């Protein structure tokens, strides 16, 4: 038996962290999240402030 736990009101993806999100009507959802969404991030090794 399926139980409804929520409803998607808006869908955005963020291909580049410093840029605005892109509104989507639909998206493919895979093992790593939304297709075309940002997967990787880089940080300075000397930066000890935590991540992200």
C-alpha atoms as a PDB file:
ATOM      1  CA  UNK A   1       0.000   0.000   0.000  1.00  0.00           C
ATOM      2  CA  UNK A   2       1.419   3.395  -1.031  1.00  0.00           C
ATOM      3  CA  UNK A   3       1.408   6.244   1.483  1.00  0.00           C
ATOM      4  CA  UNK A   4       1.638   9.827   0.231  1.00  0.00           C
ATOM      5  CA  UNK A   5       4.238  11.711   2.265  1.00  0.00           C
ATOM      6  CA  UNK A   6       4.480  14.937   0.284  1.00  0.00           C
ATOM      7  CA  UNK A   7       4.092  16.773  -2.980  1.00  0.00           C
ATOM      8  CA  UNK A   8       6.691  18.518  -5.165  1.00  0.00           C
ATOM      9  CA  UNK A   9       5.769  22.182  -5.532  1.00  0.00           C
ATOM     10  CA  UNK A  10       8.844  23.332  -7.491  1.00  0.00           C
ATOM     11  CA  UNK A  11      11.896  21.652  -8.983  1.00  0.00           C
ATOM     12  CA  UNK A  12      15.293  23.327  -9.510  1.00  0.00           C
ATOM     13  CA  UNK A  13      18.740  22.116 -10.412  1.00  0.00           C
ATOM     14  CA  UNK A  14      22.015  23.904  -9.762  1.00  0.00           C
ATOM     15  CA  UNK A  15      24.630  22.950 -12.384  1.00  0.00           C
ATOM     16  CA  UNK A  16      27.167  25.484 -10.995  1.00  0.00           C
ATOM     17  CA  UNK A  17      27.280  26.472  -7.305  1.00  0.00           C
ATOM     18  CA  UNK A  18      27.741  30.215  -7.839  1.00  0.00           C
ATOM     19  CA  UNK A  19      24.940  30.483 -10.420  1.00  0.00           C
ATOM     20  CA  UNK A  20      21.191  30.656  -9.968  1.00  0.00           C
ATOM     21  CA  UNK A  21      19.117  27.517 -10.081  1.00  0.00           C
ATOM     22  CA  UNK A  22      17.306  26.447 -13.230  1.00  0.00           C
ATOM     23  CA  UNK A  23      13.563  25.801 -12.916  1.00  0.00           C
ATOM     24  CA  UNK A  24      12.493  22.451 -14.374  1.00  0.00           C
ATOM     25  CA  UNK A  25       9.148  21.025 -15.440  1.00  0.00           C
ATOM     26  CA  UNK A  26      10.510  17.471 -15.185  1.00  0.00           C
ATOM     27  CA  UNK A  27      13.839  15.753 -14.547  1.00  0.00           C
ATOM     28  CA  UNK A  28      15.415  12.319 -14.634  1.00  0.00           C
ATOM     29  CA  UNK A  29      16.269  11.091 -11.154  1.00  0.00           C
ATOM     30  CA  UNK A  30      19.168   8.667 -10.926  1.00  0.00           C
ATOM     31  CA  UNK A  31      21.581   7.167  -8.422  1.00  0.00           C
ATOM     32  CA  UNK A  32      23.441  10.495  -8.042  1.00  0.00           C
ATOM     33  CA  UNK A  33      20.382  12.763  -7.965  1.00  0.00           C
ATOM     34  CA  UNK A  34      18.914  14.911 -10.723  1.00  0.00           C
ATOM     35  CA  UNK A  35      20.388  14.611 -14.202  1.00  0.00           C
ATOM     36  CA  UNK A  36      22.554  17.676 -14.909  1.00  0.00           C
ATOM     37  CA  UNK A  37      22.684  18.774 -11.277  1.00  0.00           C
ATOM     38  CA  UNK A  38      26.040  19.543  -9.658  1.00  0.00           C
ATOM     39  CA  UNK A  39      27.680  16.388  -8.267  1.00  0.00           C
ATOM     40  CA  UNK A  40      31.164  17.507  -7.367  1.00  0.00           C
ATOM     41  CA  UNK A  41      32.637  20.294  -5.282  1.00  0.00           C
ATOM     42  CA  UNK A  42      36.215  21.383  -4.776  1.00  0.00           C
ATOM     43  CA  UNK A  43      37.852  22.812  -1.691  1.00  0.00           C
ATOM     44  CA  UNK A  44      41.262  24.062  -0.678  1.00  0.00           C
ATOM     45  CA  UNK A  45      43.198  21.501   1.365  1.00  0.00           C
ATOM     46  CA  UNK A  46      44.536  24.281   3.598  1.00  0.00           C
ATOM     47  CA  UNK A  47      40.989  25.479   4.423  1.00  0.00           C
ATOM     48  CA  UNK A  48      40.022  23.983   7.806  1.00  0.00           C
ATOM     49  CA  UNK A  49      36.602  25.659   8.061  1.00  0.00           C
ATOM     50  CA  UNK A  50      34.753  22.490   7.145  1.00  0.00           C
ATOM     51  CA  UNK A  51      32.838  21.445   4.089  1.00  0.00           C
ATOM     52  CA  UNK A  52      30.919  22.818   2.315  1.00  0.00           C
END
